[in-house]
Amino acid sequence: MTPTLRLALFLSLALASSEPALAQTTIGTDQMLQTLSSAAQAAPSGLSGALIREAAIQHMKNNPGIPQTWAPIGVRLQNLAQINVQIQFALNSAIIRPVSYETIGSIADALHHPILLRYKFVVAGNTDASGDRAANMKLSQARADAVVKALTTTFHVDPRRLEAVGLGEEALIDPSRPDDPANRRVQIINIGTYLPGSN
């Protein structure tokens, strides 16, 4: 399947309906392991952070000024094995507040577990719909980058297993309340198997 065809399929599947999962403020390592290794939610072949990023940017371009209750890309992402966590950042910044390092440490513990060592993950940053849409996309990418940096430097997760993606306001967890703080979250998404030494 060509990258263009995969993107078209990804965007078309985004139109499917699904109940949004609520963001979790606290989640244990065991729950992370169970959720992130769910065989019932296996990622489609060829899915990557780059493909998810391209789909989010395309969604923003194709829907200028349209309320985000219209076909959010997050509906498609909801079908993948993932966790949603609240990571606290300094206001309008990608600086992670110290209180959130416990959560990031729990994520790292799960990713280091033998059950998950064969998988690759997207770390997706999300904002609410307040503020400028393009600026939100940029901020969410910076925040995703910051979480990946913390996971790989402080907690020694193999950087080849992680991809940072900013989704801005294109994947609201609660589209009926686009400015709700619950929309500001980080998703850890299982995108399939990882083979050491592969690119």
N, C-alpha and C. Protein backbone atom coordinates (compact mmCIF):
# COMPACT_ATOMS: atom_id res chain seq x y z
N MET A 1 0.85 -1.18 0.00
CA MET A 1 0.00 0.00 0.00
C MET A 1 0.89 1.24 0.00
N THR A 2 0.63 2.17 -0.90
CA THR A 2 1.45 3.36 -0.99
C THR A 2 1.14 4.30 0.17
N PRO A 3 2.10 5.20 0.52
CA PRO A 3 1.83 6.16 1.61
C PRO A 3 0.59 7.01 1.35
N THR A 4 0.36 7.40 0.09
CA THR A 4 -0.81 8.22 -0.25
C THR A 4 -2.10 7.45 0.00
N LEU A 5 -2.09 6.18 -0.40
CA LEU A 5 -3.27 5.34 -0.19
C LEU A 5 -3.53 5.10 1.28
N ARG A 6 -2.43 4.88 2.06
CA ARG A 6 -2.58 4.69 3.50
C ARG A 6 -3.17 5.93 4.15
N LEU A 7 -2.70 7.13 3.72
CA LEU A 7 -3.22 8.38 4.28
C LEU A 7 -4.70 8.53 3.95
N ALA A 8 -5.07 8.22 2.71
CA ALA A 8 -6.48 8.32 2.31
C ALA A 8 -7.35 7.38 3.14
N LEU A 9 -6.85 6.15 3.37
CA LEU A 9 -7.59 5.20 4.18
C LEU A 9 -7.72 5.70 5.62
N PHE A 10 -6.63 6.22 6.15
CA PHE A 10 -6.62 6.74 7.52
C PHE A 10 -7.65 7.85 7.67
N LEU A 11 -7.67 8.78 6.70
CA LEU A 11 -8.61 9.90 6.78
C LEU A 11 -10.04 9.44 6.61
N SER A 12 -10.28 8.46 5.75
CA SER A 12 -11.65 7.98 5.55
C SER A 12 -12.16 7.27 6.80
N LEU A 13 -11.27 6.53 7.48
CA LEU A 13 -11.67 5.85 8.70
C LEU A 13 -11.93 6.83 9.83
N ALA A 14 -11.38 8.03 9.72
CA ALA A 14 -11.59 9.05 10.75
C ALA A 14 -13.04 9.48 10.82
N LEU A 15 -13.81 9.19 9.78
CA LEU A 15 -15.21 9.60 9.75
C LEU A 15 -16.11 8.63 10.51
N ALA A 16 -15.55 7.48 10.90
CA ALA A 16 -16.35 6.50 11.63
C ALA A 16 -16.70 7.04 13.01
N SER A 17 -17.84 6.63 13.55
CA SER A 17 -18.23 7.12 14.87
C SER A 17 -17.68 6.21 15.96
N SER A 18 -17.41 6.81 17.11
CA SER A 18 -16.86 6.07 18.25
C SER A 18 -17.07 6.90 19.50
N GLU A 19 -17.21 6.23 20.65
CA GLU A 19 -17.32 6.94 21.92
C GLU A 19 -15.92 7.33 22.37
N PRO A 20 -15.68 8.60 22.71
CA PRO A 20 -14.35 9.01 23.15
C PRO A 20 -14.01 8.43 24.51
N ALA A 21 -12.74 8.04 24.67
CA ALA A 21 -12.26 7.58 25.97
C ALA A 21 -11.83 8.79 26.79
N LEU A 22 -12.14 8.78 28.06
CA LEU A 22 -11.78 9.90 28.91
C LEU A 22 -10.29 9.86 29.23
N ALA A 23 -9.70 11.03 29.36
CA ALA A 23 -8.28 11.10 29.73
C ALA A 23 -8.13 10.66 31.18
N GLN A 24 -7.09 9.93 31.45
CA GLN A 24 -6.85 9.43 32.79
C GLN A 24 -5.86 10.32 33.50
N THR A 25 -6.19 10.69 34.73
CA THR A 25 -5.25 11.51 35.49
C THR A 25 -4.23 10.63 36.21
N THR A 26 -4.65 9.43 36.64
CA THR A 26 -3.73 8.48 37.24
C THR A 26 -3.99 7.12 36.62
N ILE A 27 -2.92 6.41 36.33
CA ILE A 27 -3.05 5.09 35.74
C ILE A 27 -1.84 4.27 36.16
N GLY A 28 -2.09 3.05 36.61
CA GLY A 28 -1.02 2.21 37.10
C GLY A 28 -0.30 1.48 35.97
N THR A 29 0.90 0.98 36.28
CA THR A 29 1.71 0.28 35.28
C THR A 29 0.97 -0.95 34.76
N ASP A 30 0.31 -1.70 35.64
CA ASP A 30 -0.41 -2.90 35.20
C ASP A 30 -1.51 -2.56 34.21
N GLN A 31 -2.24 -1.48 34.49
CA GLN A 31 -3.30 -1.06 33.58
C GLN A 31 -2.71 -0.60 32.25
N MET A 32 -1.58 0.10 32.30
CA MET A 32 -0.91 0.52 31.07
C MET A 32 -0.51 -0.70 30.24
N LEU A 33 0.07 -1.71 30.90
CA LEU A 33 0.50 -2.91 30.19
C LEU A 33 -0.67 -3.59 29.51
N GLN A 34 -1.76 -3.74 30.25
CA GLN A 34 -2.94 -4.41 29.70
C GLN A 34 -3.51 -3.64 28.51
N THR A 35 -3.61 -2.33 28.64
CA THR A 35 -4.20 -1.52 27.59
C THR A 35 -3.31 -1.42 26.36
N LEU A 36 -2.02 -1.17 26.58
CA LEU A 36 -1.12 -0.95 25.45
C LEU A 36 -0.76 -2.21 24.69
N SER A 37 -0.96 -3.38 25.30
CA SER A 37 -0.64 -4.63 24.62
C SER A 37 -1.88 -5.32 24.07
N SER A 38 -3.00 -4.65 24.09
CA SER A 38 -4.26 -5.26 23.67
C SER A 38 -4.20 -5.75 22.23
N ALA A 39 -4.27 -7.08 22.05
CA ALA A 39 -4.23 -7.66 20.70
C ALA A 39 -5.47 -7.29 19.90
N ALA A 40 -6.57 -6.99 20.60
CA ALA A 40 -7.81 -6.67 19.91
C ALA A 40 -7.75 -5.30 19.25
N GLN A 41 -6.75 -4.50 19.62
CA GLN A 41 -6.65 -3.16 19.06
C GLN A 41 -5.33 -3.00 18.30
N ALA A 42 -4.97 -4.02 17.53
CA ALA A 42 -3.70 -3.99 16.80
C ALA A 42 -3.70 -2.89 15.76
N ALA A 43 -2.57 -2.24 15.63
CA ALA A 43 -2.44 -1.15 14.65
C ALA A 43 -2.37 -1.72 13.24
N PRO A 44 -2.93 -1.01 12.26
CA PRO A 44 -2.82 -1.47 10.88
C PRO A 44 -1.39 -1.42 10.39
N SER A 45 -1.06 -2.29 9.47
CA SER A 45 0.30 -2.33 8.92
C SER A 45 0.65 -1.00 8.27
N GLY A 46 1.87 -0.53 8.52
CA GLY A 46 2.34 0.70 7.88
C GLY A 46 2.00 1.98 8.62
N LEU A 47 1.29 1.87 9.75
CA LEU A 47 0.97 3.08 10.50
C LEU A 47 2.23 3.64 11.14
N SER A 48 2.38 4.95 11.09
CA SER A 48 3.57 5.60 11.65
C SER A 48 3.19 6.96 12.21
N GLY A 49 4.12 7.52 12.99
CA GLY A 49 3.92 8.86 13.49
C GLY A 49 3.81 9.87 12.37
N ALA A 50 4.61 9.69 11.33
CA ALA A 50 4.58 10.61 10.19
C ALA A 50 3.22 10.59 9.51
N LEU A 51 2.63 9.42 9.39
CA LEU A 51 1.31 9.30 8.76
C LEU A 51 0.24 9.97 9.60
N ILE A 52 0.30 9.77 10.92
CA ILE A 52 -0.66 10.41 11.82
C ILE A 52 -0.52 11.93 11.77
N ARG A 53 0.74 12.41 11.79
CA ARG A 53 0.99 13.85 11.71
C ARG A 53 0.44 14.43 10.41
N GLU A 54 0.71 13.76 9.30
CA GLU A 54 0.24 14.25 7.99
C GLU A 54 -1.29 14.30 7.94
N ALA A 55 -1.93 13.28 8.52
CA ALA A 55 -3.39 13.25 8.53
C ALA A 55 -3.95 14.41 9.36
N ALA A 56 -3.32 14.71 10.50
CA ALA A 56 -3.78 15.82 11.34
C ALA A 56 -3.62 17.16 10.63
N ILE A 57 -2.49 17.36 9.97
CA ILE A 57 -2.26 18.61 9.23
C ILE A 57 -3.24 18.72 8.07
N GLN A 58 -3.48 17.62 7.39
CA GLN A 58 -4.44 17.63 6.28
C GLN A 58 -5.85 17.94 6.78
N HIS A 59 -6.20 17.38 7.94
CA HIS A 59 -7.51 17.66 8.53
C HIS A 59 -7.67 19.15 8.81
N MET A 60 -6.61 19.77 9.35
CA MET A 60 -6.65 21.19 9.65
C MET A 60 -6.81 22.01 8.36
N LYS A 61 -6.08 21.64 7.32
CA LYS A 61 -6.16 22.36 6.04
C LYS A 61 -7.51 22.19 5.37
N ASN A 62 -8.08 20.98 5.47
CA ASN A 62 -9.33 20.69 4.78
C ASN A 62 -10.56 21.23 5.49
N ASN A 63 -10.40 21.63 6.75
CA ASN A 63 -11.55 22.07 7.54
C ASN A 63 -11.29 23.41 8.21
N PRO A 64 -10.95 24.44 7.42
CA PRO A 64 -10.67 25.74 8.04
C PRO A 64 -11.94 26.35 8.64
N GLY A 65 -11.84 26.72 9.90
CA GLY A 65 -12.96 27.39 10.54
C GLY A 65 -14.12 26.50 10.90
N ILE A 66 -14.02 25.21 10.63
CA ILE A 66 -15.12 24.30 10.93
C ILE A 66 -15.00 23.83 12.38
N PRO A 67 -16.09 23.84 13.12
CA PRO A 67 -16.01 23.37 14.51
C PRO A 67 -15.43 21.96 14.57
N GLN A 68 -14.66 21.70 15.61
CA GLN A 68 -13.97 20.42 15.69
C GLN A 68 -14.86 19.25 16.05
N THR A 69 -16.17 19.49 16.15
CA THR A 69 -17.09 18.37 16.33
C THR A 69 -17.26 17.63 15.00
N TRP A 70 -16.76 18.17 13.92
CA TRP A 70 -16.89 17.55 12.61
C TRP A 70 -15.73 16.60 12.36
N ALA A 71 -16.00 15.31 12.38
CA ALA A 71 -15.04 14.27 11.99
C ALA A 71 -13.65 14.46 12.57
N PRO A 72 -13.52 14.53 13.89
CA PRO A 72 -12.17 14.67 14.44
C PRO A 72 -11.32 13.46 14.12
N ILE A 73 -10.06 13.70 13.81
CA ILE A 73 -9.15 12.61 13.48
C ILE A 73 -8.99 11.66 14.65
N GLY A 74 -9.25 12.17 15.86
CA GLY A 74 -9.12 11.34 17.05
C GLY A 74 -10.02 10.13 17.06
N VAL A 75 -11.13 10.17 16.33
CA VAL A 75 -12.02 9.03 16.29
C VAL A 75 -11.28 7.81 15.76
N ARG A 76 -10.46 8.01 14.74
CA ARG A 76 -9.67 6.90 14.19
C ARG A 76 -8.62 6.44 15.20
N LEU A 77 -8.00 7.36 15.87
CA LEU A 77 -6.98 7.01 16.84
C LEU A 77 -7.57 6.26 18.03
N GLN A 78 -8.84 6.51 18.33
CA GLN A 78 -9.48 5.85 19.47
C GLN A 78 -9.50 4.34 19.30
N ASN A 79 -9.41 3.84 18.07
CA ASN A 79 -9.49 2.41 17.81
C ASN A 79 -8.17 1.68 18.08
N LEU A 80 -7.11 2.42 18.36
CA LEU A 80 -5.80 1.80 18.59
C LEU A 80 -5.55 1.61 20.08
N ALA A 81 -4.71 0.62 20.41
CA ALA A 81 -4.32 0.40 21.81
C ALA A 81 -3.56 1.62 22.30
N GLN A 82 -4.05 2.26 23.36
CA GLN A 82 -3.46 3.51 23.81
C GLN A 82 -3.88 3.83 25.23
N ILE A 83 -3.15 4.77 25.82
CA ILE A 83 -3.56 5.38 27.07
C ILE A 83 -3.58 6.89 26.86
N ASN A 84 -4.44 7.55 27.60
CA ASN A 84 -4.53 9.01 27.60
C ASN A 84 -4.18 9.48 29.00
N VAL A 85 -3.17 10.34 29.11
CA VAL A 85 -2.76 10.82 30.42
C VAL A 85 -2.67 12.34 30.42
N GLN A 86 -2.84 12.90 31.59
CA GLN A 86 -2.69 14.34 31.77
C GLN A 86 -1.26 14.62 32.21
N ILE A 87 -0.51 15.31 31.38
CA ILE A 87 0.83 15.77 31.73
C ILE A 87 0.75 17.28 31.91
N GLN A 88 1.21 17.76 33.04
CA GLN A 88 1.12 19.20 33.32
C GLN A 88 2.35 19.93 32.75
N PHE A 89 2.08 20.99 31.99
CA PHE A 89 3.13 21.82 31.41
C PHE A 89 2.98 23.25 31.93
N ALA A 90 4.08 23.98 31.91
CA ALA A 90 4.00 25.41 32.20
C ALA A 90 3.11 26.06 31.15
N LEU A 91 2.44 27.14 31.53
CA LEU A 91 1.48 27.80 30.66
C LEU A 91 2.08 28.16 29.31
N ASN A 92 1.41 27.74 28.23
CA ASN A 92 1.84 28.03 26.85
C ASN A 92 3.29 27.63 26.61
N SER A 93 3.70 26.52 27.20
CA SER A 93 5.09 26.10 27.14
C SER A 93 5.17 24.59 27.02
N ALA A 94 6.35 24.10 26.63
CA ALA A 94 6.60 22.66 26.58
C ALA A 94 7.41 22.20 27.79
N ILE A 95 7.54 23.06 28.80
CA ILE A 95 8.27 22.69 30.01
C ILE A 95 7.36 21.84 30.89
N ILE A 96 7.79 20.60 31.16
CA ILE A 96 7.00 19.68 31.97
C ILE A 96 7.11 20.06 33.44
N ARG A 97 5.96 20.18 34.10
CA ARG A 97 5.97 20.48 35.53
C ARG A 97 6.49 19.27 36.31
N PRO A 98 7.26 19.49 37.37
CA PRO A 98 7.84 18.37 38.14
C PRO A 98 6.81 17.35 38.60
N VAL A 99 5.59 17.79 38.91
CA VAL A 99 4.57 16.88 39.42
C VAL A 99 4.24 15.78 38.42
N SER A 100 4.52 15.99 37.13
CA SER A 100 4.16 15.01 36.11
C SER A 100 5.23 13.97 35.84
N TYR A 101 6.40 14.13 36.46
CA TYR A 101 7.45 13.14 36.20
C TYR A 101 7.12 11.77 36.79
N GLU A 102 6.28 11.72 37.80
CA GLU A 102 5.84 10.42 38.33
C GLU A 102 5.02 9.68 37.27
N THR A 103 4.13 10.41 36.59
CA THR A 103 3.33 9.81 35.53
C THR A 103 4.22 9.34 34.39
N ILE A 104 5.17 10.17 33.99
CA ILE A 104 6.07 9.80 32.90
C ILE A 104 6.92 8.59 33.31
N GLY A 105 7.32 8.53 34.57
CA GLY A 105 8.05 7.37 35.06
C GLY A 105 7.23 6.10 34.99
N SER A 106 5.94 6.20 35.28
CA SER A 106 5.06 5.03 35.18
C SER A 106 4.93 4.57 33.73
N ILE A 107 4.86 5.54 32.82
CA ILE A 107 4.81 5.19 31.39
C ILE A 107 6.10 4.45 31.01
N ALA A 108 7.22 4.97 31.45
CA ALA A 108 8.51 4.35 31.14
C ALA A 108 8.58 2.93 31.72
N ASP A 109 8.10 2.74 32.94
CA ASP A 109 8.10 1.41 33.54
C ASP A 109 7.33 0.43 32.65
N ALA A 110 6.19 0.87 32.15
CA ALA A 110 5.39 0.01 31.26
C ALA A 110 6.14 -0.28 29.96
N LEU A 111 6.75 0.75 29.38
CA LEU A 111 7.44 0.56 28.10
C LEU A 111 8.67 -0.33 28.24
N HIS A 112 9.27 -0.37 29.44
CA HIS A 112 10.42 -1.23 29.68
C HIS A 112 10.02 -2.68 29.97
N HIS A 113 8.74 -2.92 30.21
CA HIS A 113 8.29 -4.27 30.56
C HIS A 113 8.45 -5.20 29.36
N PRO A 114 8.87 -6.45 29.58
CA PRO A 114 9.05 -7.40 28.47
C PRO A 114 7.84 -7.56 27.55
N ILE A 115 6.64 -7.40 28.09
CA ILE A 115 5.44 -7.54 27.28
C ILE A 115 5.39 -6.49 26.17
N LEU A 116 5.91 -5.29 26.46
CA LEU A 116 5.82 -4.19 25.50
C LEU A 116 7.11 -3.92 24.74
N LEU A 117 8.18 -4.64 25.04
CA LEU A 117 9.46 -4.33 24.40
C LEU A 117 9.45 -4.51 22.89
N ARG A 118 8.54 -5.28 22.35
CA ARG A 118 8.53 -5.49 20.89
C ARG A 118 7.67 -4.48 20.15
N TYR A 119 7.12 -3.51 20.87
CA TYR A 119 6.23 -2.54 20.24
C TYR A 119 6.85 -1.15 20.11
N LYS A 120 6.34 -0.42 19.13
CA LYS A 120 6.71 0.97 18.91
C LYS A 120 5.50 1.84 19.23
N PHE A 121 5.76 3.08 19.68
CA PHE A 121 4.67 3.93 20.16
C PHE A 121 4.78 5.34 19.61
N VAL A 122 3.61 5.94 19.41
CA VAL A 122 3.52 7.36 19.13
C VAL A 122 3.15 8.07 20.41
N VAL A 123 3.87 9.13 20.74
CA VAL A 123 3.53 10.01 21.84
C VAL A 123 2.88 11.23 21.21
N ALA A 124 1.57 11.36 21.38
CA ALA A 124 0.82 12.41 20.70
C ALA A 124 0.40 13.49 21.68
N GLY A 125 0.80 14.73 21.39
CA GLY A 125 0.39 15.87 22.21
C GLY A 125 -0.90 16.46 21.67
N ASN A 126 -1.77 16.88 22.57
CA ASN A 126 -3.07 17.46 22.19
C ASN A 126 -3.34 18.73 23.00
N THR A 127 -4.02 19.68 22.38
CA THR A 127 -4.45 20.89 23.06
C THR A 127 -5.97 20.95 23.05
N ASP A 128 -6.52 21.94 23.75
CA ASP A 128 -7.94 22.23 23.56
C ASP A 128 -8.06 23.18 22.36
N ALA A 129 -9.26 23.67 22.10
CA ALA A 129 -9.47 24.48 20.91
C ALA A 129 -9.37 25.98 21.17
N SER A 130 -8.94 26.37 22.37
CA SER A 130 -8.77 27.80 22.63
C SER A 130 -7.47 28.27 21.98
N GLY A 131 -7.45 29.50 21.54
CA GLY A 131 -6.25 30.02 20.90
C GLY A 131 -6.19 29.73 19.41
N ASP A 132 -5.07 30.09 18.82
CA ASP A 132 -4.86 29.94 17.38
C ASP A 132 -4.63 28.47 17.03
N ARG A 133 -5.29 28.01 16.00
CA ARG A 133 -5.24 26.59 15.64
C ARG A 133 -3.83 26.16 15.22
N ALA A 134 -3.16 26.95 14.39
CA ALA A 134 -1.81 26.61 13.95
C ALA A 134 -0.83 26.65 15.12
N ALA A 135 -1.01 27.63 16.01
CA ALA A 135 -0.14 27.72 17.19
C ALA A 135 -0.36 26.52 18.10
N ASN A 136 -1.60 26.05 18.21
CA ASN A 136 -1.89 24.87 19.01
C ASN A 136 -1.19 23.64 18.45
N MET A 137 -1.16 23.54 17.12
CA MET A 137 -0.47 22.41 16.49
C MET A 137 1.02 22.44 16.83
N LYS A 138 1.62 23.62 16.76
CA LYS A 138 3.05 23.78 17.06
C LYS A 138 3.33 23.47 18.53
N LEU A 139 2.48 23.99 19.43
CA LEU A 139 2.68 23.76 20.86
C LEU A 139 2.54 22.28 21.20
N SER A 140 1.57 21.63 20.61
CA SER A 140 1.37 20.20 20.90
C SER A 140 2.55 19.36 20.43
N GLN A 141 3.16 19.75 19.31
CA GLN A 141 4.35 19.03 18.84
C GLN A 141 5.51 19.22 19.82
N ALA A 142 5.69 20.46 20.30
CA ALA A 142 6.76 20.73 21.25
C ALA A 142 6.55 19.95 22.55
N ARG A 143 5.32 19.82 22.97
CA ARG A 143 5.03 19.07 24.20
C ARG A 143 5.25 17.57 24.00
N ALA A 144 4.85 17.06 22.85
CA ALA A 144 5.11 15.64 22.56
C ALA A 144 6.61 15.39 22.52
N ASP A 145 7.36 16.31 21.90
CA ASP A 145 8.82 16.19 21.86
C ASP A 145 9.40 16.17 23.27
N ALA A 146 8.86 17.01 24.16
CA ALA A 146 9.36 17.09 25.53
C ALA A 146 9.12 15.79 26.29
N VAL A 147 7.96 15.18 26.08
CA VAL A 147 7.66 13.91 26.76
C VAL A 147 8.58 12.80 26.24
N VAL A 148 8.78 12.77 24.93
CA VAL A 148 9.69 11.77 24.36
C VAL A 148 11.11 11.98 24.90
N LYS A 149 11.53 13.23 25.00
CA LYS A 149 12.87 13.51 25.53
C LYS A 149 12.99 13.02 26.98
N ALA A 150 11.96 13.26 27.78
CA ALA A 150 11.99 12.78 29.16
C ALA A 150 12.03 11.26 29.22
N LEU A 151 11.25 10.61 28.39
CA LEU A 151 11.22 9.15 28.38
C LEU A 151 12.56 8.55 27.96
N THR A 152 13.21 9.20 26.99
CA THR A 152 14.44 8.63 26.44
C THR A 152 15.69 9.02 27.22
N THR A 153 15.71 10.21 27.80
CA THR A 153 16.91 10.65 28.52
C THR A 153 16.83 10.34 30.01
N THR A 154 15.76 10.74 30.65
CA THR A 154 15.62 10.51 32.09
C THR A 154 15.31 9.05 32.41
N PHE A 155 14.47 8.42 31.56
CA PHE A 155 14.00 7.07 31.86
C PHE A 155 14.53 6.01 30.90
N HIS A 156 15.41 6.39 30.00
CA HIS A 156 16.17 5.45 29.16
C HIS A 156 15.34 4.52 28.29
N VAL A 157 14.20 5.00 27.78
CA VAL A 157 13.46 4.23 26.78
C VAL A 157 14.19 4.39 25.45
N ASP A 158 14.31 3.31 24.70
CA ASP A 158 15.00 3.34 23.41
C ASP A 158 14.31 4.36 22.49
N PRO A 159 15.01 5.41 22.05
CA PRO A 159 14.37 6.43 21.22
C PRO A 159 13.84 5.91 19.89
N ARG A 160 14.35 4.76 19.43
CA ARG A 160 13.87 4.19 18.17
C ARG A 160 12.47 3.61 18.31
N ARG A 161 12.00 3.48 19.55
CA ARG A 161 10.66 2.93 19.78
C ARG A 161 9.60 4.01 19.92
N LEU A 162 9.99 5.29 19.85
CA LEU A 162 9.05 6.38 20.11
C LEU A 162 9.06 7.39 18.97
N GLU A 163 7.88 7.90 18.64
CA GLU A 163 7.74 9.00 17.69
C GLU A 163 6.85 10.06 18.33
N ALA A 164 7.29 11.31 18.31
CA ALA A 164 6.50 12.41 18.86
C ALA A 164 5.65 13.03 17.75
N VAL A 165 4.38 13.24 18.04
CA VAL A 165 3.45 13.81 17.06
C VAL A 165 2.58 14.85 17.76
N GLY A 166 2.49 16.04 17.19
CA GLY A 166 1.57 17.06 17.69
C GLY A 166 0.28 17.02 16.90
N LEU A 167 -0.83 16.88 17.61
CA LEU A 167 -2.15 16.84 16.96
C LEU A 167 -2.94 18.13 17.16
N GLY A 168 -2.39 19.06 17.95
CA GLY A 168 -3.10 20.31 18.18
C GLY A 168 -4.49 20.06 18.71
N GLU A 169 -5.48 20.69 18.06
CA GLU A 169 -6.88 20.52 18.45
C GLU A 169 -7.63 19.62 17.47
N GLU A 170 -6.90 18.83 16.69
CA GLU A 170 -7.52 18.00 15.66
C GLU A 170 -8.05 16.68 16.20
N ALA A 171 -7.78 16.35 17.45
CA ALA A 171 -8.22 15.07 18.02
C ALA A 171 -8.80 15.30 19.41
N LEU A 172 -9.75 16.19 19.51
CA LEU A 172 -10.35 16.52 20.81
C LEU A 172 -10.97 15.28 21.44
N ILE A 173 -10.71 15.08 22.71
CA ILE A 173 -11.31 13.94 23.41
C ILE A 173 -12.77 14.21 23.73
N ASP A 174 -13.15 15.50 23.83
CA ASP A 174 -14.53 15.89 24.08
C ASP A 174 -14.91 16.99 23.10
N PRO A 175 -15.25 16.63 21.84
CA PRO A 175 -15.58 17.63 20.83
C PRO A 175 -16.77 18.50 21.18
N SER A 176 -17.66 18.01 22.08
CA SER A 176 -18.83 18.81 22.45
C SER A 176 -18.43 19.99 23.33
N ARG A 177 -17.24 19.91 23.95
CA ARG A 177 -16.72 21.00 24.78
C ARG A 177 -15.27 21.25 24.36
N PRO A 178 -15.08 21.91 23.21
CA PRO A 178 -13.74 22.03 22.62
C PRO A 178 -12.73 22.77 23.48
N ASP A 179 -13.18 23.65 24.39
CA ASP A 179 -12.25 24.39 25.23
C ASP A 179 -12.01 23.73 26.59
N ASP A 180 -12.60 22.56 26.80
CA ASP A 180 -12.45 21.87 28.08
C ASP A 180 -11.00 21.44 28.29
N PRO A 181 -10.45 21.67 29.49
CA PRO A 181 -9.06 21.26 29.77
C PRO A 181 -8.80 19.77 29.56
N ALA A 182 -9.85 18.93 29.61
CA ALA A 182 -9.66 17.49 29.40
C ALA A 182 -9.06 17.19 28.03
N ASN A 183 -9.27 18.10 27.09
CA ASN A 183 -8.72 17.91 25.75
C ASN A 183 -7.20 18.06 25.71
N ARG A 184 -6.65 18.72 26.73
CA ARG A 184 -5.19 18.90 26.81
C ARG A 184 -4.59 17.66 27.46
N ARG A 185 -4.10 16.74 26.63
CA ARG A 185 -3.61 15.48 27.16
C ARG A 185 -2.52 14.93 26.25
N VAL A 186 -1.89 13.87 26.72
CA VAL A 186 -0.89 13.15 25.93
C VAL A 186 -1.40 11.74 25.72
N GLN A 187 -1.33 11.27 24.48
CA GLN A 187 -1.69 9.90 24.16
C GLN A 187 -0.42 9.09 23.93
N ILE A 188 -0.39 7.89 24.47
CA ILE A 188 0.66 6.93 24.16
C ILE A 188 -0.03 5.84 23.34
N ILE A 189 0.33 5.73 22.06
CA ILE A 189 -0.41 4.89 21.11
C ILE A 189 0.50 3.79 20.58
N ASN A 190 0.06 2.56 20.71
CA ASN A 190 0.78 1.42 20.17
C ASN A 190 0.57 1.37 18.66
N ILE A 191 1.66 1.52 17.88
CA ILE A 191 1.51 1.50 16.42
C ILE A 191 2.10 0.25 15.80
N GLY A 192 2.34 -0.78 16.61
CA GLY A 192 2.77 -2.06 16.04
C GLY A 192 4.13 -2.51 16.50
N THR A 193 4.57 -3.62 15.94
CA THR A 193 5.80 -4.25 16.39
C THR A 193 7.03 -3.47 15.96
N TYR A 194 8.06 -3.63 16.77
CA TYR A 194 9.35 -2.97 16.54
C TYR A 194 10.43 -4.02 16.52
N LEU A 195 11.31 -3.95 15.54
CA LEU A 195 12.41 -4.89 15.45
C LEU A 195 13.72 -4.14 15.68
N PRO A 196 14.49 -4.48 16.71
CA PRO A 196 15.77 -3.79 16.94
C PRO A 196 16.65 -3.82 15.70
N GLY A 197 17.25 -2.66 15.42
CA GLY A 197 18.10 -2.55 14.25
C GLY A 197 17.38 -2.07 13.02
N SER A 198 16.03 -2.00 13.08
CA SER A 198 15.27 -1.51 11.93
C SER A 198 15.10 -0.02 12.03
N ASN A 199 14.78 0.64 10.93
CA ASN A 199 14.58 2.08 10.94
C ASN A 199 13.12 2.41 11.08
